Amino acid sequence: MLYTVMCRLTRPAEEYPTLSGAIQAAGVANWPVNEATWLIESDHSAEAIRDSIDLCIEEGDLALVFPLMVGPARWTSLRDVRYGRQFLQSALQREQATPLR
């Protein structure tokens, strides 16, 4: 399953020493879209991902985890974002190969 994780943090993301590790551990693959937004491909539930991220952020910070379907999604050219393009293409291929749950 593909998820988007969006955080509203009181400090820059790099000042949260365990956040990057929690994002990486939550998924099979991840792509940091910007400083506080990631796409994560994971076998874990949204709740499990949220709970692992919640351990890494401070009270007053916000983490949102939404499941995504790549198939109907559209995006602009990613020619300059090679890993992002590969990440989305792989997610789309896996989504098309997996029967709907």
C-alpha atoms as a PDB file:
ATOM      1  CA  MET A   1       0.000   0.000   0.000  1.00  0.00           C
ATOM      2  CA  LEU A   2       1.192   3.491  -0.772  1.00  0.00           C
ATOM      3  CA  TYR A   3       0.798   6.220   1.853  1.00  0.00           C
ATOM      4  CA  THR A   4       1.497   9.898   2.026  1.00  0.00           C
ATOM      5  CA  VAL A   5       2.839  11.153   5.327  1.00  0.00           C
ATOM      6  CA  MET A   6       2.565  14.863   5.991  1.00  0.00           C
ATOM      7  CA  CYS A   7       3.938  16.463   9.119  1.00  0.00           C
ATOM      8  CA  ARG A   8       3.580  19.909  10.613  1.00  0.00           C
ATOM      9  CA  LEU A   9       6.575  20.177  12.879  1.00  0.00           C
ATOM     10  CA  THR A  10       7.530  22.933  15.293  1.00  0.00           C
ATOM     11  CA  ARG A  11      11.190  22.589  14.292  1.00  0.00           C
ATOM     12  CA  PRO A  12      12.927  21.594  11.035  1.00  0.00           C
ATOM     13  CA  ALA A  13      12.646  17.858  10.302  1.00  0.00           C
ATOM     14  CA  GLU A  14      16.408  17.361  10.527  1.00  0.00           C
ATOM     15  CA  GLU A  15      16.197  18.340  14.200  1.00  0.00           C
ATOM     16  CA  TYR A  16      14.150  15.196  14.918  1.00  0.00           C
ATOM     17  CA  PRO A  17      16.907  12.573  15.128  1.00  0.00           C
ATOM     18  CA  THR A  18      14.692   9.472  14.965  1.00  0.00           C
ATOM     19  CA  LEU A  19      12.051  10.666  12.469  1.00  0.00           C
ATOM     20  CA  SER A  20      13.967   9.691   9.328  1.00  0.00           C
ATOM     21  CA  GLY A  21      14.636   6.230  10.767  1.00  0.00           C
ATOM     22  CA  ALA A  22      10.960   5.755  11.633  1.00  0.00           C
ATOM     23  CA  ILE A  23       9.960   6.730   8.091  1.00  0.00           C
ATOM     24  CA  GLN A  24      12.492   4.298   6.614  1.00  0.00           C
ATOM     25  CA  ALA A  25      11.499   1.489   8.987  1.00  0.00           C
ATOM     26  CA  ALA A  26       7.797   1.946   8.206  1.00  0.00           C
ATOM     27  CA  GLY A  27       8.115   1.091   4.555  1.00  0.00           C
ATOM     28  CA  VAL A  28       9.648  -1.026   1.859  1.00  0.00           C
ATOM     29  CA  ALA A  29      10.533   2.207   0.049  1.00  0.00           C
ATOM     30  CA  ASN A  30      10.067   5.894   0.682  1.00  0.00           C
ATOM     31  CA  TRP A  31      10.525   9.163  -1.122  1.00  0.00           C
ATOM     32  CA  PRO A  32      10.941  12.447   0.742  1.00  0.00           C
ATOM     33  CA  VAL A  33       8.856  14.832  -1.373  1.00  0.00           C
ATOM     34  CA  ASN A  34       9.923  17.800   0.763  1.00  0.00           C
ATOM     35  CA  GLU A  35      11.168  18.466   4.279  1.00  0.00           C
ATOM     36  CA  ALA A  36       8.044  17.163   6.012  1.00  0.00           C
ATOM     37  CA  THR A  37       6.190  15.116   3.380  1.00  0.00           C
ATOM     38  CA  TRP A  38       6.988  11.564   2.333  1.00  0.00           C
ATOM     39  CA  LEU A  39       5.497   8.901   0.128  1.00  0.00           C
ATOM     40  CA  ILE A  40       5.904   5.502   1.756  1.00  0.00           C
ATOM     41  CA  GLU A  41       5.220   2.088   0.306  1.00  0.00           C
ATOM     42  CA  SER A  42       4.482  -0.210   3.216  1.00  0.00           C
ATOM     43  CA  ASP A  43       2.785  -3.409   4.313  1.00  0.00           C
ATOM     44  CA  HIS A  44       1.931  -1.731   7.639  1.00  0.00           C
ATOM     45  CA  SER A  45      -1.392  -0.066   8.389  1.00  0.00           C
ATOM     46  CA  ALA A  46      -1.815   3.703   8.477  1.00  0.00           C
ATOM     47  CA  GLU A  47      -2.296   3.421  12.238  1.00  0.00           C
ATOM     48  CA  ALA A  48       0.995   1.556  12.707  1.00  0.00           C
ATOM     49  CA  ILE A  49       2.874   4.115  10.604  1.00  0.00           C
ATOM     50  CA  ARG A  50       1.253   6.990  12.514  1.00  0.00           C
ATOM     51  CA  ASP A  51       2.112   5.400  15.864  1.00  0.00           C
ATOM     52  CA  SER A  52       5.794   4.907  14.946  1.00  0.00           C
ATOM     53  CA  ILE A  53       6.072   8.508  13.737  1.00  0.00           C
ATOM     54  CA  ASP A  54       4.246   9.796  16.823  1.00  0.00           C
ATOM     55  CA  LEU A  55       7.052   8.385  18.985  1.00  0.00           C
ATOM     56  CA  CYS A  56       9.550  10.592  17.106  1.00  0.00           C
ATOM     57  CA  ILE A  57       7.792  13.940  17.147  1.00  0.00           C
ATOM     58  CA  GLU A  58       6.925  16.327  19.932  1.00  0.00           C
ATOM     59  CA  GLU A  59       3.632  17.177  21.582  1.00  0.00           C
ATOM     60  CA  GLY A  60       1.997  19.824  19.438  1.00  0.00           C
ATOM     61  CA  ASP A  61       3.454  18.424  16.201  1.00  0.00           C
ATOM     62  CA  LEU A  62       1.100  16.854  13.697  1.00  0.00           C
ATOM     63  CA  ALA A  63       1.477  13.733  11.540  1.00  0.00           C
ATOM     64  CA  LEU A  64      -1.103  12.772   8.916  1.00  0.00           C
ATOM     65  CA  VAL A  65      -0.984   9.369   7.183  1.00  0.00           C
ATOM     66  CA  PHE A  66      -3.233   8.830   4.173  1.00  0.00           C
ATOM     67  CA  PRO A  67      -3.492   5.735   1.942  1.00  0.00           C
ATOM     68  CA  LEU A  68      -3.080   6.512  -1.759  1.00  0.00           C
ATOM     69  CA  MET A  69      -3.988   4.882  -5.020  1.00  0.00           C
ATOM     70  CA  VAL A  70      -1.409   5.756  -7.662  1.00  0.00           C
ATOM     71  CA  GLY A  71      -3.406   4.431 -10.626  1.00  0.00           C
ATOM     72  CA  PRO A  72      -5.795   7.363 -10.977  1.00  0.00           C
ATOM     73  CA  ALA A  73      -3.178   9.916  -9.844  1.00  0.00           C
ATOM     74  CA  ARG A  74      -1.464  12.322 -12.216  1.00  0.00           C
ATOM     75  CA  TRP A  75       1.687  14.366 -11.757  1.00  0.00           C
ATOM     76  CA  THR A  76       3.825  16.828 -13.648  1.00  0.00           C
ATOM     77  CA  SER A  77       7.061  15.857 -15.327  1.00  0.00           C
ATOM     78  CA  LEU A  78       9.577  14.340 -12.941  1.00  0.00           C
ATOM     79  CA  ARG A  79      12.483  14.325 -15.386  1.00  0.00           C
ATOM     80  CA  ASP A  80      14.701  16.179 -12.895  1.00  0.00           C
ATOM     81  CA  VAL A  81      13.567  14.043  -9.960  1.00  0.00           C
ATOM     82  CA  ARG A  82      14.862  10.659 -11.044  1.00  0.00           C
ATOM     83  CA  TYR A  83      14.256   8.743  -7.807  1.00  0.00           C
ATOM     84  CA  GLY A  84      10.752  10.192  -7.449  1.00  0.00           C
ATOM     85  CA  ARG A  85       9.887   9.094 -10.987  1.00  0.00           C
ATOM     86  CA  GLN A  86      11.218   5.593 -10.359  1.00  0.00           C
ATOM     87  CA  PHE A  87       9.437   5.395  -7.001  1.00  0.00           C
ATOM     88  CA  LEU A  88       6.063   6.342  -8.513  1.00  0.00           C
ATOM     89  CA  GLN A  89       6.497   4.059 -11.528  1.00  0.00           C
ATOM     90  CA  SER A  90       7.322   1.108  -9.259  1.00  0.00           C
ATOM     91  CA  ALA A  91       4.371   1.878  -6.973  1.00  0.00           C
ATOM     92  CA  LEU A  92       2.061   2.053 -10.004  1.00  0.00           C
ATOM     93  CA  GLN A  93       3.326  -1.296 -11.324  1.00  0.00           C
ATOM     94  CA  ARG A  94       2.828  -2.984  -7.943  1.00  0.00           C
ATOM     95  CA  GLU A  95      -0.631  -1.459  -7.573  1.00  0.00           C
ATOM     96  CA  GLN A  96      -1.679  -2.738 -10.986  1.00  0.00           C
ATOM     97  CA  ALA A  97      -0.333  -6.203 -10.186  1.00  0.00           C
ATOM     98  CA  THR A  98      -2.143  -6.445  -6.826  1.00  0.00           C
ATOM     99  CA  PRO A  99      -5.842  -7.315  -6.826  1.00  0.00           C
ATOM    100  CA  LEU A 100      -8.113  -4.893  -4.993  1.00  0.00           C
ATOM    101  CA  ARG A 101      -8.653  -5.739  -1.322  1.00  0.00           C
END
